[in-house]
């Protein structure tokens, strides 16, 4: 009898759920993604996609830093980016796709 109760007790203990409560907001948070082995850029892409789907504007730290610069510095940066096609312009996942070509495609 004791053996049966011990086995039933162990089975009940083993079959209990882990009670790990994860929501979709938790699994797509930057901390969760970075701790899961993804890079900071991947977590930023996930946040940008979530913002785009929900209609919430998302600005990264680099974009906020750019917006705080003086106008003359922005002009110099944009001029340099126009003449140097290899320079990163922060347009990755951050622009509307247009069917017709424009000046920004250069």
PDB file of N, CA and C in Angstrom:
ATOM      1  N   UNK A   1       0.814  -1.184   0.000  1.00  0.00           N
ATOM      2  CA  UNK A   1       0.000   0.000   0.000  1.00  0.00           C
ATOM      3  C   UNK A   1       0.870   1.265   0.000  1.00  0.00           C
ATOM      4  N   UNK A   2       1.909   1.250   0.827  1.00  0.00           N
ATOM      5  CA  UNK A   2       2.803   2.399   0.874  1.00  0.00           C
ATOM      6  C   UNK A   2       3.518   2.572  -0.466  1.00  0.00           C
ATOM      7  N   UNK A   3       3.877   1.439  -1.063  1.00  0.00           N
ATOM      8  CA  UNK A   3       4.580   1.479  -2.342  1.00  0.00           C
ATOM      9  C   UNK A   3       3.677   2.071  -3.422  1.00  0.00           C
ATOM     10  N   UNK A   4       2.402   1.680  -3.410  1.00  0.00           N
ATOM     11  CA  UNK A   4       1.459   2.193  -4.410  1.00  0.00           C
ATOM     12  C   UNK A   4       1.226   3.686  -4.215  1.00  0.00           C
ATOM     13  N   UNK A   5       1.068   4.123  -2.987  1.00  0.00           N
ATOM     14  CA  UNK A   5       0.892   5.548  -2.723  1.00  0.00           C
ATOM     15  C   UNK A   5       2.138   6.344  -3.118  1.00  0.00           C
ATOM     16  N   UNK A   6       3.297   5.782  -2.898  1.00  0.00           N
ATOM     17  CA  UNK A   6       4.531   6.446  -3.295  1.00  0.00           C
ATOM     18  C   UNK A   6       4.605   6.585  -4.817  1.00  0.00           C
ATOM     19  N   UNK A   7       4.230   5.539  -5.518  1.00  0.00           N
ATOM     20  CA  UNK A   7       4.259   5.579  -6.989  1.00  0.00           C
ATOM     21  C   UNK A   7       3.230   6.580  -7.507  1.00  0.00           C
ATOM     22  N   UNK A   8       2.037   6.564  -6.936  1.00  0.00           N
ATOM     23  CA  UNK A   8       1.005   7.523  -7.360  1.00  0.00           C
ATOM     24  C   UNK A   8       1.447   8.952  -7.040  1.00  0.00           C
ATOM     25  N   UNK A   9       2.044   9.153  -5.884  1.00  0.00           N
ATOM     26  CA  UNK A   9       2.548  10.475  -5.520  1.00  0.00           C
ATOM     27  C   UNK A   9       3.650  10.944  -6.451  1.00  0.00           C
ATOM     28  N   UNK A  10       4.566  10.063  -6.806  1.00  0.00           N
ATOM     29  CA  UNK A  10       5.642  10.427  -7.744  1.00  0.00           C
ATOM     30  C   UNK A  10       5.084  10.735  -9.129  1.00  0.00           C
ATOM     31  N   UNK A  11       4.125   9.938  -9.583  1.00  0.00           N
ATOM     32  CA  UNK A  11       3.502  10.209 -10.884  1.00  0.00           C
ATOM     33  C   UNK A  11       2.787  11.556 -10.882  1.00  0.00           C
ATOM     34  N   UNK A  12       2.077  11.855  -9.808  1.00  0.00           N
ATOM     35  CA  UNK A  12       1.385  13.141  -9.715  1.00  0.00           C
ATOM     36  C   UNK A  12       2.392  14.287  -9.698  1.00  0.00           C
ATOM     37  N   UNK A  13       3.500  14.102  -9.005  1.00  0.00           N
ATOM     38  CA  UNK A  13       4.519  15.146  -8.934  1.00  0.00           C
ATOM     39  C   UNK A  13       5.216  15.350 -10.274  1.00  0.00           C
ATOM     40  N   UNK A  14       5.498  14.258 -10.977  1.00  0.00           N
ATOM     41  CA  UNK A  14       6.212  14.333 -12.253  1.00  0.00           C
ATOM     42  C   UNK A  14       5.331  14.927 -13.341  1.00  0.00           C
ATOM     43  N   UNK A  15       4.044  14.656 -13.293  1.00  0.00           N
ATOM     44  CA  UNK A  15       3.162  15.122 -14.365  1.00  0.00           C
ATOM     45  C   UNK A  15       2.666  16.537 -14.161  1.00  0.00           C
ATOM     46  N   UNK A  16       3.057  17.218 -13.104  1.00  0.00           N
ATOM     47  CA  UNK A  16       2.662  18.609 -12.918  1.00  0.00           C
ATOM     48  C   UNK A  16       3.306  19.465 -14.008  1.00  0.00           C
ATOM     49  N   UNK A  17       2.586  20.458 -14.512  1.00  0.00           N
ATOM     50  CA  UNK A  17       3.186  21.326 -15.536  1.00  0.00           C
ATOM     51  C   UNK A  17       4.274  22.204 -14.932  1.00  0.00           C
ATOM     52  N   UNK A  18       5.108  22.696 -15.791  1.00  0.00           N
ATOM     53  CA  UNK A  18       6.208  23.534 -15.333  1.00  0.00           C
ATOM     54  C   UNK A  18       5.738  24.929 -14.950  1.00  0.00           C
ATOM     55  N   UNK A  19       4.536  25.283 -15.374  1.00  0.00           N
ATOM     56  CA  UNK A  19       3.940  26.586 -15.059  1.00  0.00           C
ATOM     57  C   UNK A  19       4.805  27.737 -15.577  1.00  0.00           C
ATOM     58  N   UNK A  20       5.384  27.551 -16.717  1.00  0.00           N
ATOM     59  CA  UNK A  20       6.157  28.624 -17.342  1.00  0.00           C
ATOM     60  C   UNK A  20       5.194  29.451 -18.180  1.00  0.00           C
ATOM     61  N   UNK A  21       4.827  30.587 -17.664  1.00  0.00           N
ATOM     62  CA  UNK A  21       3.836  31.409 -18.331  1.00  0.00           C
ATOM     63  C   UNK A  21       4.544  32.360 -19.296  1.00  0.00           C
ATOM     64  N   UNK A  22       4.444  32.076 -20.581  1.00  0.00           N
ATOM     65  CA  UNK A  22       5.028  32.920 -21.612  1.00  0.00           C
ATOM     66  C   UNK A  22       3.922  33.377 -22.553  1.00  0.00           C
ATOM     67  N   UNK A  23       3.879  34.658 -22.801  1.00  0.00           N
ATOM     68  CA  UNK A  23       2.930  35.192 -23.768  1.00  0.00           C
ATOM     69  C   UNK A  23       3.689  35.556 -25.039  1.00  0.00           C
ATOM     70  N   UNK A  24       2.955  35.928 -26.068  1.00  0.00           N
ATOM     71  CA  UNK A  24       3.617  36.320 -27.315  1.00  0.00           C
ATOM     72  C   UNK A  24       4.407  37.614 -27.127  1.00  0.00           C
ATOM     73  N   UNK A  25       3.935  38.461 -26.227  1.00  0.00           N
ATOM     74  CA  UNK A  25       4.691  39.689 -25.952  1.00  0.00           C
ATOM     75  C   UNK A  25       6.013  39.369 -25.274  1.00  0.00           C
ATOM     76  N   UNK A  26       6.017  38.348 -24.431  1.00  0.00           N
ATOM     77  CA  UNK A  26       7.262  37.950 -23.769  1.00  0.00           C
ATOM     78  C   UNK A  26       8.251  37.348 -24.757  1.00  0.00           C
ATOM     79  N   UNK A  27       7.767  36.499 -25.650  1.00  0.00           N
ATOM     80  CA  UNK A  27       8.671  35.797 -26.556  1.00  0.00           C
ATOM     81  C   UNK A  27       9.207  36.682 -27.665  1.00  0.00           C
ATOM     82  N   UNK A  28       8.628  37.856 -27.853  1.00  0.00           N
ATOM     83  CA  UNK A  28       9.175  38.762 -28.863  1.00  0.00           C
ATOM     84  C   UNK A  28       9.798  40.005 -28.238  1.00  0.00           C
ATOM     85  N   UNK A  29       9.996  40.007 -26.944  1.00  0.00           N
ATOM     86  CA  UNK A  29      10.649  41.149 -26.294  1.00  0.00           C
ATOM     87  C   UNK A  29      12.154  41.106 -26.582  1.00  0.00           C
ATOM     88  N   UNK A  30      12.808  42.263 -26.606  1.00  0.00           N
ATOM     89  CA  UNK A  30      14.242  42.282 -26.912  1.00  0.00           C
ATOM     90  C   UNK A  30      15.080  41.476 -25.925  1.00  0.00           C
ATOM     91  N   UNK A  31      14.731  41.535 -24.644  1.00  0.00           N
ATOM     92  CA  UNK A  31      15.507  40.803 -23.639  1.00  0.00           C
ATOM     93  C   UNK A  31      15.418  39.292 -23.866  1.00  0.00           C
ATOM     94  N   UNK A  32      14.222  38.824 -24.169  1.00  0.00           N
ATOM     95  CA  UNK A  32      14.018  37.389 -24.390  1.00  0.00           C
ATOM     96  C   UNK A  32      14.781  36.929 -25.637  1.00  0.00           C
ATOM     97  N   UNK A  33      14.727  37.721 -26.698  1.00  0.00           N
ATOM     98  CA  UNK A  33      15.417  37.349 -27.937  1.00  0.00           C
ATOM     99  C   UNK A  33      16.930  37.348 -27.759  1.00  0.00           C
ATOM    100  N   UNK A  34      17.455  38.358 -27.081  1.00  0.00           N
ATOM    101  CA  UNK A  34      18.904  38.431 -26.883  1.00  0.00           C
ATOM    102  C   UNK A  34      19.365  37.300 -25.970  1.00  0.00           C
ATOM    103  N   UNK A  35      18.597  37.012 -24.914  1.00  0.00           N
ATOM    104  CA  UNK A  35      18.953  35.901 -24.027  1.00  0.00           C
ATOM    105  C   UNK A  35      18.803  34.556 -24.726  1.00  0.00           C
ATOM    106  N   UNK A  36      17.985  34.498 -25.762  1.00  0.00           N
ATOM    107  CA  UNK A  36      17.812  33.270 -26.522  1.00  0.00           C
ATOM    108  C   UNK A  36      18.884  33.056 -27.574  1.00  0.00           C
ATOM    109  N   UNK A  37      19.824  33.969 -27.700  1.00  0.00           N
ATOM    110  CA  UNK A  37      20.931  33.788 -28.619  1.00  0.00           C
ATOM    111  C   UNK A  37      20.827  34.627 -29.881  1.00  0.00           C
ATOM    112  N   UNK A  38      19.789  35.437 -30.033  1.00  0.00           N
ATOM    113  CA  UNK A  38      19.670  36.293 -31.214  1.00  0.00           C
ATOM    114  C   UNK A  38      20.485  37.564 -31.009  1.00  0.00           C
ATOM    115  N   UNK A  39      20.821  38.211 -32.091  1.00  0.00           N
ATOM    116  CA  UNK A  39      21.619  39.430 -31.996  1.00  0.00           C
ATOM    117  C   UNK A  39      20.727  40.620 -31.676  1.00  0.00           C
ATOM    118  N   UNK A  40      21.353  41.735 -31.347  1.00  0.00           N
ATOM    119  CA  UNK A  40      20.608  42.954 -31.037  1.00  0.00           C
ATOM    120  C   UNK A  40      19.885  43.472 -32.281  1.00  0.00           C
ATOM    121  N   UNK A  41      20.485  43.270 -33.443  1.00  0.00           N
ATOM    122  CA  UNK A  41      19.847  43.701 -34.691  1.00  0.00           C
ATOM    123  C   UNK A  41      18.594  42.878 -34.957  1.00  0.00           C
ATOM    124  N   UNK A  42      18.650  41.583 -34.667  1.00  0.00           N
ATOM    125  CA  UNK A  42      17.465  40.739 -34.853  1.00  0.00           C
ATOM    126  C   UNK A  42      16.342  41.157 -33.919  1.00  0.00           C
ATOM    127  N   UNK A  43      16.677  41.487 -32.699  1.00  0.00           N
ATOM    128  CA  UNK A  43      15.633  41.930 -31.772  1.00  0.00           C
ATOM    129  C   UNK A  43      15.069  43.280 -32.205  1.00  0.00           C
ATOM    130  N   UNK A  44      15.914  44.145 -32.759  1.00  0.00           N
ATOM    131  CA  UNK A  44      15.419  45.424 -33.269  1.00  0.00           C
ATOM    132  C   UNK A  44      14.509  45.215 -34.475  1.00  0.00           C
ATOM    133  N   UNK A  45      14.857  44.258 -35.333  1.00  0.00           N
ATOM    134  CA  UNK A  45      13.994  43.948 -36.477  1.00  0.00           C
ATOM    135  C   UNK A  45      12.632  43.435 -36.011  1.00  0.00           C
ATOM    136  N   UNK A  46      12.621  42.621 -34.967  1.00  0.00           N
ATOM    137  CA  UNK A  46      11.350  42.116 -34.434  1.00  0.00           C
ATOM    138  C   UNK A  46      10.514  43.261 -33.868  1.00  0.00           C
ATOM    139  N   UNK A  47      11.146  44.183 -33.159  1.00  0.00           N
ATOM    140  CA  UNK A  47      10.413  45.320 -32.600  1.00  0.00           C
ATOM    141  C   UNK A  47       9.891  46.237 -33.705  1.00  0.00           C
ATOM    142  N   UNK A  48      10.698  46.430 -34.755  1.00  0.00           N
ATOM    143  CA  UNK A  48      10.264  47.267 -35.876  1.00  0.00           C
ATOM    144  C   UNK A  48       9.089  46.628 -36.607  1.00  0.00           C
ATOM    145  N   UNK A  49       9.122  45.309 -36.779  1.00  0.00           N
ATOM    146  CA  UNK A  49       8.018  44.605 -37.435  1.00  0.00           C
ATOM    147  C   UNK A  49       6.748  44.674 -36.595  1.00  0.00           C
ATOM    148  N   UNK A  50       6.890  44.501 -35.276  1.00  0.00           N
ATOM    149  CA  UNK A  50       5.724  44.615 -34.393  1.00  0.00           C
ATOM    150  C   UNK A  50       5.133  46.014 -34.452  1.00  0.00           C
ATOM    151  N   UNK A  51       5.968  47.014 -34.472  1.00  0.00           N
ATOM    152  CA  UNK A  51       5.478  48.386 -34.573  1.00  0.00           C
ATOM    153  C   UNK A  51       4.786  48.654 -35.890  1.00  0.00           C
ATOM    154  N   UNK A  52       5.332  48.107 -36.976  1.00  0.00           N
ATOM    155  CA  UNK A  52       4.729  48.300 -38.292  1.00  0.00           C
ATOM    156  C   UNK A  52       3.359  47.635 -38.367  1.00  0.00           C
ATOM    157  N   UNK A  53       3.243  46.426 -37.835  1.00  0.00           N
ATOM    158  CA  UNK A  53       1.981  45.695 -37.868  1.00  0.00           C
ATOM    159  C   UNK A  53       0.929  46.383 -37.004  1.00  0.00           C
ATOM    160  N   UNK A  54       1.329  46.890 -35.851  1.00  0.00           N
ATOM    161  CA  UNK A  54       0.392  47.527 -34.932  1.00  0.00           C
ATOM    162  C   UNK A  54       0.156  48.998 -35.235  1.00  0.00           C
ATOM    163  N   UNK A  55       0.876  49.546 -36.193  1.00  0.00           N
ATOM    164  CA  UNK A  55       0.705  50.954 -36.544  1.00  0.00           C
ATOM    165  C   UNK A  55       1.341  51.907 -35.557  1.00  0.00           C
ATOM    166  N   UNK A  56       2.336  51.436 -34.824  1.00  0.00           N
ATOM    167  CA  UNK A  56       3.036  52.261 -33.840  1.00  0.00           C
ATOM    168  C   UNK A  56       4.408  52.610 -34.410  1.00  0.00           C
ATOM    169  N   UNK A  57       4.746  53.891 -34.495  1.00  0.00           N
ATOM    170  CA  UNK A  57       6.066  54.231 -35.037  1.00  0.00           C
ATOM    171  C   UNK A  57       7.184  53.755 -34.113  1.00  0.00           C
ATOM    172  N   UNK A  58       8.213  53.188 -34.698  1.00  0.00           N
ATOM    173  CA  UNK A  58       9.360  52.686 -33.940  1.00  0.00           C
ATOM    174  C   UNK A  58      10.594  53.426 -34.403  1.00  0.00           C
ATOM    175  N   UNK A  59      11.321  53.999 -33.475  1.00  0.00           N
ATOM    176  CA  UNK A  59      12.584  54.645 -33.803  1.00  0.00           C
ATOM    177  C   UNK A  59      13.681  54.003 -32.973  1.00  0.00           C
ATOM    178  N   UNK A  60      14.758  53.659 -33.639  1.00  0.00           N
ATOM    179  CA  UNK A  60      15.882  53.035 -32.944  1.00  0.00           C
ATOM    180  C   UNK A  60      16.723  54.115 -32.264  1.00  0.00           C
ATOM    181  N   UNK A  61      17.697  53.676 -31.504  1.00  0.00           N
ATOM    182  CA  UNK A  61      18.577  54.623 -30.807  1.00  0.00           C
ATOM    183  C   UNK A  61      19.393  55.437 -31.807  1.00  0.00           C
ATOM    184  N   UNK A  62      19.801  54.807 -32.918  1.00  0.00           N
ATOM    185  CA  UNK A  62      20.567  55.540 -33.934  1.00  0.00           C
ATOM    186  C   UNK A  62      19.713  56.605 -34.611  1.00  0.00           C
ATOM    187  N   UNK A  63      18.441  56.296 -34.840  1.00  0.00           N
ATOM    188  CA  UNK A  63      17.553  57.284 -35.453  1.00  0.00           C
ATOM    189  C   UNK A  63      17.292  58.450 -34.506  1.00  0.00           C
ATOM    190  N   UNK A  64      17.118  58.160 -33.224  1.00  0.00           N
ATOM    191  CA  UNK A  64      16.906  59.228 -32.251  1.00  0.00           C
ATOM    192  C   UNK A  64      18.137  60.112 -32.139  1.00  0.00           C
ATOM    193  N   UNK A  65      19.313  59.481 -32.199  1.00  0.00           N
ATOM    194  CA  UNK A  65      20.554  60.247 -32.131  1.00  0.00           C
ATOM    195  C   UNK A  65      20.691  61.134 -33.369  1.00  0.00           C
ATOM    196  N   UNK A  66      20.282  60.621 -34.531  1.00  0.00           N
ATOM    197  CA  UNK A  66      20.355  61.413 -35.758  1.00  0.00           C
ATOM    198  C   UNK A  66      19.398  62.602 -35.692  1.00  0.00           C
ATOM    199  N   UNK A  67      18.193  62.400 -35.157  1.00  0.00           N
ATOM    200  CA  UNK A  67      17.211  63.478 -35.081  1.00  0.00           C
ATOM    201  C   UNK A  67      17.638  64.592 -34.124  1.00  0.00           C
ATOM    202  N   UNK A  68      18.486  64.285 -33.165  1.00  0.00           N
ATOM    203  CA  UNK A  68      18.944  65.298 -32.204  1.00  0.00           C
ATOM    204  C   UNK A  68      20.099  66.143 -32.732  1.00  0.00           C
ATOM    205  N   UNK A  69      20.644  65.793 -33.871  1.00  0.00           N
ATOM    206  CA  UNK A  69      21.781  66.538 -34.425  1.00  0.00           C
ATOM    207  C   UNK A  69      21.324  67.859 -35.035  1.00  0.00           C
ATOM    208  N   UNK A  70      22.235  68.820 -35.156  1.00  0.00           N
ATOM    209  CA  UNK A  70      21.887  70.089 -35.813  1.00  0.00           C
ATOM    210  C   UNK A  70      21.647  69.882 -37.317  1.00  0.00           C
ATOM    211  N   UNK A  71      20.985  70.844 -37.919  1.00  0.00           N
ATOM    212  CA  UNK A  71      20.605  70.732 -39.329  1.00  0.00           C
ATOM    213  C   UNK A  71      21.836  70.642 -40.224  1.00  0.00           C
ATOM    214  N   UNK A  72      22.866  71.428 -39.951  1.00  0.00           N
ATOM    215  CA  UNK A  72      24.039  71.400 -40.818  1.00  0.00           C
ATOM    216  C   UNK A  72      24.735  70.040 -40.775  1.00  0.00           C
ATOM    217  N   UNK A  73      24.718  69.407 -39.603  1.00  0.00           N
ATOM    218  CA  UNK A  73      25.343  68.090 -39.491  1.00  0.00           C
ATOM    219  C   UNK A  73      24.528  67.032 -40.231  1.00  0.00           C
ATOM    220  N   UNK A  74      23.202  67.128 -40.159  1.00  0.00           N
ATOM    221  CA  UNK A  74      22.333  66.217 -40.915  1.00  0.00           C
ATOM    222  C   UNK A  74      22.582  66.374 -42.422  1.00  0.00           C
ATOM    223  N   UNK A  75      22.740  67.626 -42.855  1.00  0.00           N
ATOM    224  CA  UNK A  75      22.995  67.879 -44.277  1.00  0.00           C
ATOM    225  C   UNK A  75      24.310  67.258 -44.721  1.00  0.00           C
ATOM    226  N   UNK A  76      25.339  67.378 -43.904  1.00  0.00           N
ATOM    227  CA  UNK A  76      26.630  66.789 -44.260  1.00  0.00           C
ATOM    228  C   UNK A  76      26.547  65.257 -44.280  1.00  0.00           C
ATOM    229  N   UNK A  77      25.840  64.674 -43.311  1.00  0.00           N
ATOM    230  CA  UNK A  77      25.700  63.217 -43.270  1.00  0.00           C
ATOM    231  C   UNK A  77      24.950  62.721 -44.495  1.00  0.00           C
ATOM    232  N   UNK A  78      23.847  63.378 -44.831  1.00  0.00           N
ATOM    233  CA  UNK A  78      23.060  62.956 -46.001  1.00  0.00           C
ATOM    234  C   UNK A  78      23.840  63.144 -47.305  1.00  0.00           C
ATOM    235  N   UNK A  79      24.628  64.196 -47.396  1.00  0.00           N
ATOM    236  CA  UNK A  79      25.458  64.406 -48.589  1.00  0.00           C
ATOM    237  C   UNK A  79      26.491  63.296 -48.710  1.00  0.00           C
ATOM    238  N   UNK A  80      27.115  62.944 -47.600  1.00  0.00           N
ATOM    239  CA  UNK A  80      28.095  61.852 -47.622  1.00  0.00           C
ATOM    240  C   UNK A  80      27.427  60.527 -47.997  1.00  0.00           C
ATOM    241  N   UNK A  81      26.244  60.283 -47.465  1.00  0.00           N
ATOM    242  CA  UNK A  81      25.531  59.049 -47.775  1.00  0.00           C
ATOM    243  C   UNK A  81      25.087  59.007 -49.238  1.00  0.00           C
ATOM    244  N   UNK A  82      24.792  60.160 -49.809  1.00  0.00           N
ATOM    245  CA  UNK A  82      24.396  60.203 -51.217  1.00  0.00           C
ATOM    246  C   UNK A  82      25.557  59.819 -52.124  1.00  0.00           C
ATOM    247  N   UNK A  83      26.760  60.302 -51.814  1.00  0.00           N
ATOM    248  CA  UNK A  83      27.909  60.032 -52.664  1.00  0.00           C
ATOM    249  C   UNK A  83      28.592  58.705 -52.357  1.00  0.00           C
ATOM    250  N   UNK A  84      28.363  58.135 -51.187  1.00  0.00           N
ATOM    251  CA  UNK A  84      28.966  56.857 -50.821  1.00  0.00           C
ATOM    252  C   UNK A  84      27.872  55.795 -50.703  1.00  0.00           C
ATOM    253  N   UNK A  85      27.696  54.975 -51.743  1.00  0.00           N
ATOM    254  CA  UNK A  85      26.610  53.997 -51.707  1.00  0.00           C
ATOM    255  C   UNK A  85      26.818  52.877 -50.683  1.00  0.00           C
ATOM    256  N   UNK A  86      28.038  52.715 -50.173  1.00  0.00           N
ATOM    257  CA  UNK A  86      28.300  51.654 -49.198  1.00  0.00           C
ATOM    258  C   UNK A  86      27.975  52.085 -47.772  1.00  0.00           C
ATOM    259  N   UNK A  87      27.666  53.359 -47.579  1.00  0.00           N
ATOM    260  CA  UNK A  87      27.368  53.860 -46.239  1.00  0.00           C
ATOM    261  C   UNK A  87      25.965  53.418 -45.816  1.00  0.00           C
ATOM    262  N   UNK A  88      25.840  53.020 -44.560  1.00  0.00           N
ATOM    263  CA  UNK A  88      24.559  52.571 -44.034  1.00  0.00           C
ATOM    264  C   UNK A  88      23.642  53.769 -43.830  1.00  0.00           C
ATOM    265  N   UNK A  89      22.451  53.703 -44.421  1.00  0.00           N
ATOM    266  CA  UNK A  89      21.537  54.841 -44.360  1.00  0.00           C
ATOM    267  C   UNK A  89      20.338  54.590 -43.456  1.00  0.00           C
ATOM    268  N   UNK A  90      20.338  53.521 -42.685  1.00  0.00           N
ATOM    269  CA  UNK A  90      19.238  53.190 -41.782  1.00  0.00           C
ATOM    270  C   UNK A  90      17.911  53.057 -42.530  1.00  0.00           C
ATOM    271  N   UNK A  91      17.939  52.539 -43.739  1.00  0.00           N
ATOM    272  CA  UNK A  91      16.700  52.331 -44.481  1.00  0.00           C
ATOM    273  C   UNK A  91      16.288  50.867 -44.497  1.00  0.00           C
ATOM    274  N   UNK A  92      17.047  50.002 -43.844  1.00  0.00           N
ATOM    275  CA  UNK A  92      16.696  48.590 -43.801  1.00  0.00           C
ATOM    276  C   UNK A  92      15.434  48.408 -42.968  1.00  0.00           C
ATOM    277  N   UNK A  93      14.399  47.877 -43.565  1.00  0.00           N
ATOM    278  CA  UNK A  93      13.082  47.684 -42.939  1.00  0.00           C
ATOM    279  C   UNK A  93      12.482  49.007 -42.473  1.00  0.00           C
ATOM    280  N   UNK A  94      12.870  50.100 -43.070  1.00  0.00           N
ATOM    281  CA  UNK A  94      12.416  51.405 -42.594  1.00  0.00           C
ATOM    282  C   UNK A  94      11.985  52.296 -43.747  1.00  0.00           C
ATOM    283  N   UNK A  95      11.416  51.730 -44.781  1.00  0.00           N
ATOM    284  CA  UNK A  95      10.959  52.531 -45.901  1.00  0.00           C
ATOM    285  C   UNK A  95       9.759  51.850 -46.556  1.00  0.00           C
ATOM    286  N   UNK A  96       8.980  52.656 -47.246  1.00  0.00           N
ATOM    287  CA  UNK A  96       7.849  52.116 -47.992  1.00  0.00           C
ATOM    288  C   UNK A  96       8.343  51.694 -49.368  1.00  0.00           C
ATOM    289  N   UNK A  97       7.901  50.538 -49.817  1.00  0.00           N
ATOM    290  CA  UNK A  97       8.317  50.043 -51.124  1.00  0.00           C
ATOM    291  C   UNK A  97       7.476  50.725 -52.200  1.00  0.00           C
ATOM    292  N   UNK A  98       8.152  51.389 -53.111  1.00  0.00           N
ATOM    293  CA  UNK A  98       7.486  52.073 -54.217  1.00  0.00           C
ATOM    294  C   UNK A  98       7.747  51.305 -55.502  1.00  0.00           C
ATOM    295  N   UNK A  99       6.734  51.174 -56.330  1.00  0.00           N
ATOM    296  CA  UNK A  99       6.898  50.433 -57.579  1.00  0.00           C
ATOM    297  C   UNK A  99       7.710  51.234 -58.581  1.00  0.00           C
ATOM    298  N   UNK A 100       7.470  52.545 -58.661  1.00  0.00           N
ATOM    299  CA  UNK A 100       8.202  53.363 -59.622  1.00  0.00           C
ATOM    300  C   UNK A 100       9.552  53.784 -59.022  1.00  0.00           C
ATOM    301  N   UNK A 101      10.597  53.882 -59.858  1.00  0.00           N
ATOM    302  CA  UNK A 101      11.914  54.273 -59.346  1.00  0.00           C
ATOM    303  C   UNK A 101      11.933  55.732 -58.922  1.00  0.00           C
ATOM    304  N   UNK A 102      12.820  56.037 -57.970  1.00  0.00           N
ATOM    305  CA  UNK A 102      12.952  57.407 -57.498  1.00  0.00           C
ATOM    306  C   UNK A 102      14.426  57.713 -57.240  1.00  0.00           C
ATOM    307  N   UNK A 103      14.700  58.908 -56.783  1.00  0.00           N
ATOM    308  CA  UNK A 103      16.062  59.348 -56.500  1.00  0.00           C
ATOM    309  C   UNK A 103      16.649  58.521 -55.355  1.00  0.00           C
ATOM    310  N   UNK A 104      15.825  58.073 -54.412  1.00  0.00           N
ATOM    311  CA  UNK A 104      16.327  57.319 -53.265  1.00  0.00           C
ATOM    312  C   UNK A 104      16.842  55.935 -53.655  1.00  0.00           C
ATOM    313  N   UNK A 105      16.559  55.487 -54.870  1.00  0.00           N
ATOM    314  CA  UNK A 105      17.034  54.174 -55.307  1.00  0.00           C
ATOM    315  C   UNK A 105      18.490  54.206 -55.764  1.00  0.00           C
ATOM    316  N   UNK A 106      19.069  55.395 -55.909  1.00  0.00           N
ATOM    317  CA  UNK A 106      20.456  55.482 -56.389  1.00  0.00           C
ATOM    318  C   UNK A 106      21.427  54.961 -55.384  1.00  0.00           C
TER     319      UNK A 106
END
